C-alpha cells in the first residue's frame, strides 16, 4: 500500500513539474520587447485583465519604450510574468522574435 502511494506521489510530482510545450530553456533568441502600461480609468484602477501579450490590440494600452534582449523562451516567459505580477498588473511586455 505504501509502495503504491509513493509511486503515485512520484508520478504526480513528475507530471506536475513538466515544462510547457515551447518552453525552451536552452536556445537563446534575440527579442524585441515593447513595454506597455495600462491606462487609468475613471471608474477603476489601471490594470490589464490578462497577461496576454497581444496588448497592441488593446486600445487602453500606453506604449512606454522598446528594448532588445537575448533570452531563452523559458526566461522570456518568466520575465513577462514577473513584470506583470510585480507591477500589480499595470505593466506588460510584448515580445517579438528578431531574426539576426
N, C-alpha and C. Protein backbone atom coordinates (compact mmCIF):
# COMPACT_ATOMS: atom_id res chain seq x y z
N UNK A 1 0.82 -1.19 0.00
CA UNK A 1 0.00 0.00 0.00
C UNK A 1 0.87 1.26 0.00
N UNK A 2 1.86 1.27 0.86
CA UNK A 2 2.76 2.43 0.92
C UNK A 2 3.55 2.58 -0.37
N UNK A 3 3.90 1.45 -0.98
CA UNK A 3 4.65 1.48 -2.23
C UNK A 3 3.80 2.11 -3.34
N UNK A 4 2.54 1.75 -3.42
CA UNK A 4 1.64 2.32 -4.42
C UNK A 4 1.45 3.82 -4.19
N UNK A 5 1.35 4.20 -2.94
CA UNK A 5 1.21 5.61 -2.61
C UNK A 5 2.44 6.40 -3.04
N UNK A 6 3.61 5.88 -2.78
CA UNK A 6 4.85 6.56 -3.16
C UNK A 6 4.99 6.66 -4.67
N UNK A 7 4.62 5.61 -5.39
CA UNK A 7 4.68 5.64 -6.86
C UNK A 7 3.70 6.68 -7.39
N UNK A 8 2.50 6.72 -6.84
CA UNK A 8 1.51 7.71 -7.27
C UNK A 8 1.99 9.13 -6.96
N UNK A 9 2.57 9.33 -5.80
CA UNK A 9 3.10 10.63 -5.42
C UNK A 9 4.23 11.06 -6.35
N UNK A 10 5.10 10.14 -6.69
CA UNK A 10 6.20 10.43 -7.60
C UNK A 10 5.70 10.80 -8.99
N UNK A 11 4.68 10.11 -9.47
CA UNK A 11 4.10 10.43 -10.77
C UNK A 11 3.45 11.81 -10.77
N UNK A 12 2.77 12.14 -9.71
CA UNK A 12 2.13 13.46 -9.61
C UNK A 12 3.18 14.56 -9.61
N UNK A 13 4.24 14.35 -8.88
CA UNK A 13 5.31 15.35 -8.83
C UNK A 13 6.00 15.48 -10.19
N UNK A 14 6.29 14.36 -10.82
CA UNK A 14 6.98 14.37 -12.11
C UNK A 14 6.13 15.04 -13.18
N UNK A 15 4.85 14.74 -13.22
CA UNK A 15 3.98 15.34 -14.23
C UNK A 15 3.65 16.79 -13.91
N UNK A 16 3.61 17.13 -12.64
CA UNK A 16 3.32 18.50 -12.25
C UNK A 16 4.46 19.46 -12.53
N UNK A 17 5.68 18.97 -12.56
CA UNK A 17 6.84 19.81 -12.80
C UNK A 17 7.24 19.87 -14.27
N UNK A 18 6.48 19.24 -15.11
CA UNK A 18 6.81 19.20 -16.54
C UNK A 18 6.66 20.60 -17.14
N UNK A 19 7.62 21.00 -17.96
CA UNK A 19 7.57 22.30 -18.60
C UNK A 19 6.50 22.31 -19.67
N UNK A 20 6.01 23.51 -19.97
CA UNK A 20 5.04 23.67 -21.03
C UNK A 20 5.72 23.43 -22.38
N UNK A 21 4.93 23.00 -23.36
CA UNK A 21 5.45 22.81 -24.71
C UNK A 21 5.87 24.17 -25.25
N UNK A 22 7.03 24.25 -25.86
CA UNK A 22 7.54 25.51 -26.38
C UNK A 22 8.23 26.34 -25.32
N UNK A 23 8.46 25.78 -24.17
CA UNK A 23 9.12 26.50 -23.08
C UNK A 23 10.60 26.10 -23.05
N UNK A 24 11.31 26.40 -24.13
CA UNK A 24 12.70 26.01 -24.33
C UNK A 24 13.61 26.83 -23.41
N UNK A 25 14.48 26.15 -22.66
CA UNK A 25 15.39 26.85 -21.76
C UNK A 25 16.85 26.62 -22.15
N UNK A 26 17.09 26.27 -23.41
CA UNK A 26 18.47 26.03 -23.84
C UNK A 26 18.88 26.92 -25.01
N UNK A 27 17.96 27.28 -25.88
CA UNK A 27 18.30 28.05 -27.07
C UNK A 27 18.01 29.53 -26.85
N UNK A 28 19.04 30.38 -26.86
CA UNK A 28 18.78 31.82 -26.71
C UNK A 28 18.32 32.44 -28.03
N UNK A 29 17.39 33.35 -27.93
CA UNK A 29 16.88 34.09 -29.08
C UNK A 29 17.00 35.58 -28.79
N UNK A 30 17.07 36.37 -29.86
CA UNK A 30 17.06 37.82 -29.70
C UNK A 30 15.60 38.27 -29.78
N UNK A 31 15.18 39.06 -28.80
CA UNK A 31 13.80 39.50 -28.70
C UNK A 31 13.72 41.02 -28.73
N UNK A 32 12.74 41.54 -29.43
CA UNK A 32 12.37 42.94 -29.33
C UNK A 32 11.20 42.97 -28.35
N UNK A 33 11.34 43.75 -27.28
CA UNK A 33 10.27 43.79 -26.31
C UNK A 33 9.77 45.22 -26.16
N UNK A 34 8.47 45.35 -26.21
CA UNK A 34 7.80 46.63 -26.04
C UNK A 34 7.11 46.62 -24.69
N UNK A 35 7.31 47.68 -23.93
CA UNK A 35 6.69 47.80 -22.62
C UNK A 35 5.44 48.66 -22.72
N UNK A 36 4.34 48.13 -22.21
CA UNK A 36 3.07 48.85 -22.21
C UNK A 36 2.57 49.01 -20.80
N UNK A 37 1.85 50.11 -20.58
CA UNK A 37 1.24 50.40 -19.28
C UNK A 37 -0.26 50.50 -19.48
N UNK A 38 -1.01 50.01 -18.53
CA UNK A 38 -2.46 50.10 -18.60
C UNK A 38 -2.89 51.54 -18.35
N UNK A 39 -3.89 51.98 -19.07
CA UNK A 39 -4.40 53.34 -18.93
C UNK A 39 -5.28 53.43 -17.67
N UNK A 40 -5.17 54.54 -16.96
CA UNK A 40 -6.01 54.77 -15.78
C UNK A 40 -7.43 55.04 -16.27
N UNK A 41 -8.38 54.37 -15.63
CA UNK A 41 -9.79 54.53 -16.00
C UNK A 41 -10.51 55.31 -14.89
N UNK A 42 -11.52 56.05 -15.29
CA UNK A 42 -12.27 56.85 -14.32
C UNK A 42 -12.96 55.99 -13.28
N UNK A 43 -13.43 54.82 -13.68
CA UNK A 43 -14.23 54.00 -12.78
C UNK A 43 -13.46 52.87 -12.11
N UNK A 44 -12.15 52.84 -12.27
CA UNK A 44 -11.40 51.76 -11.64
C UNK A 44 -9.91 51.94 -11.77
N UNK A 45 -9.15 50.98 -11.24
CA UNK A 45 -7.69 51.08 -11.29
C UNK A 45 -7.13 50.77 -12.68
N UNK A 46 -5.89 51.13 -12.88
CA UNK A 46 -5.21 50.84 -14.14
C UNK A 46 -4.65 49.43 -14.07
N UNK A 47 -5.31 48.49 -14.72
CA UNK A 47 -4.82 47.12 -14.76
C UNK A 47 -5.14 46.50 -16.11
N UNK A 48 -4.33 45.51 -16.48
CA UNK A 48 -4.64 44.67 -17.62
C UNK A 48 -5.47 43.50 -17.10
N UNK A 49 -6.44 43.09 -17.86
CA UNK A 49 -7.27 41.97 -17.45
C UNK A 49 -6.53 40.65 -17.58
N UNK A 50 -5.52 40.61 -18.42
CA UNK A 50 -4.80 39.37 -18.69
C UNK A 50 -3.36 39.70 -18.98
N UNK A 51 -2.49 38.69 -18.83
CA UNK A 51 -1.10 38.87 -19.20
C UNK A 51 -0.87 38.51 -20.67
N UNK A 52 -1.93 38.36 -21.41
CA UNK A 52 -1.83 38.04 -22.82
C UNK A 52 -0.98 39.07 -23.53
N UNK A 53 0.05 38.66 -24.26
CA UNK A 53 0.97 39.63 -24.87
C UNK A 53 0.40 40.40 -26.05
N UNK A 54 -0.85 40.19 -26.39
CA UNK A 54 -1.42 40.90 -27.55
C UNK A 54 -1.98 42.26 -27.13
N UNK A 55 -1.21 43.00 -26.37
CA UNK A 55 -1.68 44.29 -25.89
C UNK A 55 -1.71 45.34 -26.99
N UNK A 56 -1.08 45.07 -28.12
CA UNK A 56 -1.09 46.04 -29.21
C UNK A 56 -2.51 46.28 -29.70
N UNK A 57 -3.37 45.26 -29.58
CA UNK A 57 -4.77 45.41 -29.98
C UNK A 57 -5.60 46.04 -28.88
N UNK A 58 -5.03 46.18 -27.70
CA UNK A 58 -5.74 46.78 -26.58
C UNK A 58 -5.64 48.30 -26.71
N UNK A 59 -6.78 48.94 -26.94
CA UNK A 59 -6.76 50.39 -27.17
C UNK A 59 -6.43 51.17 -25.90
N UNK A 60 -6.55 50.52 -24.74
CA UNK A 60 -6.24 51.20 -23.49
C UNK A 60 -4.76 51.17 -23.13
N UNK A 61 -3.96 50.37 -23.85
CA UNK A 61 -2.54 50.23 -23.52
C UNK A 61 -1.76 51.46 -23.98
N UNK A 62 -0.84 51.90 -23.14
CA UNK A 62 0.01 53.04 -23.46
C UNK A 62 1.42 52.53 -23.67
N UNK A 63 1.98 52.78 -24.84
CA UNK A 63 3.34 52.35 -25.17
C UNK A 63 4.34 53.19 -24.38
N UNK A 64 5.31 52.51 -23.73
CA UNK A 64 6.33 53.23 -22.96
C UNK A 64 7.69 53.23 -23.65
N UNK A 65 8.23 52.04 -23.98
CA UNK A 65 9.53 52.00 -24.65
C UNK A 65 9.76 50.66 -25.33
N UNK A 66 10.85 50.61 -26.09
CA UNK A 66 11.27 49.39 -26.78
C UNK A 66 12.71 49.10 -26.39
N UNK A 67 13.00 47.82 -26.21
CA UNK A 67 14.38 47.41 -25.95
C UNK A 67 14.60 46.06 -26.59
N UNK A 68 15.86 45.67 -26.69
CA UNK A 68 16.23 44.38 -27.26
C UNK A 68 16.97 43.57 -26.20
N UNK A 69 16.72 42.27 -26.16
CA UNK A 69 17.35 41.41 -25.18
C UNK A 69 17.54 40.02 -25.77
N UNK A 70 18.46 39.27 -25.21
CA UNK A 70 18.70 37.89 -25.61
C UNK A 70 18.30 36.99 -24.45
N UNK A 71 17.26 36.20 -24.66
CA UNK A 71 16.72 35.32 -23.64
C UNK A 71 16.27 34.00 -24.26
N UNK A 72 16.21 32.98 -23.44
CA UNK A 72 15.60 31.73 -23.90
C UNK A 72 14.08 31.90 -23.83
N UNK A 73 13.36 30.99 -24.46
CA UNK A 73 11.89 31.05 -24.44
C UNK A 73 11.36 30.98 -23.01
N UNK A 74 11.97 30.12 -22.21
CA UNK A 74 11.54 29.95 -20.82
C UNK A 74 11.78 31.22 -20.01
N UNK A 75 12.96 31.81 -20.15
CA UNK A 75 13.29 33.04 -19.41
C UNK A 75 12.41 34.21 -19.85
N UNK A 76 12.08 34.24 -21.13
CA UNK A 76 11.19 35.28 -21.64
C UNK A 76 9.83 35.18 -20.97
N UNK A 77 9.30 33.97 -20.86
CA UNK A 77 8.00 33.78 -20.22
C UNK A 77 8.05 34.13 -18.74
N UNK A 78 9.14 33.76 -18.07
CA UNK A 78 9.29 34.11 -16.66
C UNK A 78 9.37 35.62 -16.46
N UNK A 79 10.12 36.29 -17.34
CA UNK A 79 10.28 37.74 -17.22
C UNK A 79 8.95 38.45 -17.49
N UNK A 80 8.20 37.94 -18.46
CA UNK A 80 6.91 38.53 -18.79
C UNK A 80 5.95 38.39 -17.60
N UNK A 81 5.92 37.22 -16.98
CA UNK A 81 5.07 37.00 -15.82
C UNK A 81 5.54 37.86 -14.64
N UNK A 82 6.85 37.98 -14.48
CA UNK A 82 7.42 38.72 -13.36
C UNK A 82 7.04 40.19 -13.40
N UNK A 83 7.21 40.85 -14.54
CA UNK A 83 6.89 42.28 -14.63
C UNK A 83 5.39 42.49 -14.48
N UNK A 84 4.60 41.56 -15.00
CA UNK A 84 3.15 41.66 -14.89
C UNK A 84 2.71 41.57 -13.42
N UNK A 85 3.25 40.61 -12.70
CA UNK A 85 2.87 40.41 -11.30
C UNK A 85 3.46 41.48 -10.38
N UNK A 86 4.72 41.86 -10.61
CA UNK A 86 5.39 42.84 -9.75
C UNK A 86 4.79 44.24 -9.89
N UNK A 87 4.23 44.54 -11.04
CA UNK A 87 3.67 45.87 -11.27
C UNK A 87 2.21 45.96 -10.85
N UNK A 88 1.69 44.90 -10.29
CA UNK A 88 0.28 44.92 -9.90
C UNK A 88 -0.64 44.91 -11.10
N UNK A 89 -0.22 44.22 -12.16
CA UNK A 89 -0.98 44.07 -13.42
C UNK A 89 -1.13 45.38 -14.18
N UNK A 90 -0.18 46.31 -14.01
CA UNK A 90 -0.26 47.57 -14.74
C UNK A 90 0.73 47.64 -15.89
N UNK A 91 1.78 46.79 -15.88
CA UNK A 91 2.78 46.79 -16.95
C UNK A 91 2.83 45.41 -17.60
N UNK A 92 3.09 45.40 -18.90
CA UNK A 92 3.22 44.13 -19.60
C UNK A 92 4.22 44.30 -20.74
N UNK A 93 5.03 43.27 -20.97
CA UNK A 93 5.94 43.24 -22.10
C UNK A 93 5.29 42.49 -23.24
N UNK A 94 5.45 42.99 -24.44
CA UNK A 94 5.07 42.28 -25.65
C UNK A 94 6.37 41.91 -26.35
N UNK A 95 6.60 40.62 -26.53
CA UNK A 95 7.84 40.13 -27.13
C UNK A 95 7.63 39.75 -28.58
N UNK A 96 8.66 40.00 -29.38
CA UNK A 96 8.66 39.60 -30.79
C UNK A 96 10.08 39.11 -31.12
N UNK A 97 10.18 37.91 -31.72
CA UNK A 97 11.49 37.39 -32.08
C UNK A 97 12.09 38.22 -33.21
N UNK A 98 13.39 38.48 -33.09
CA UNK A 98 14.11 39.23 -34.11
C UNK A 98 15.02 38.24 -34.84
N UNK A 99 14.93 38.22 -36.15
CA UNK A 99 15.79 37.32 -36.94
C UNK A 99 17.11 38.01 -37.25
N UNK A 100 18.17 37.56 -36.61
CA UNK A 100 19.52 38.09 -36.87
C UNK A 100 20.51 36.97 -36.84
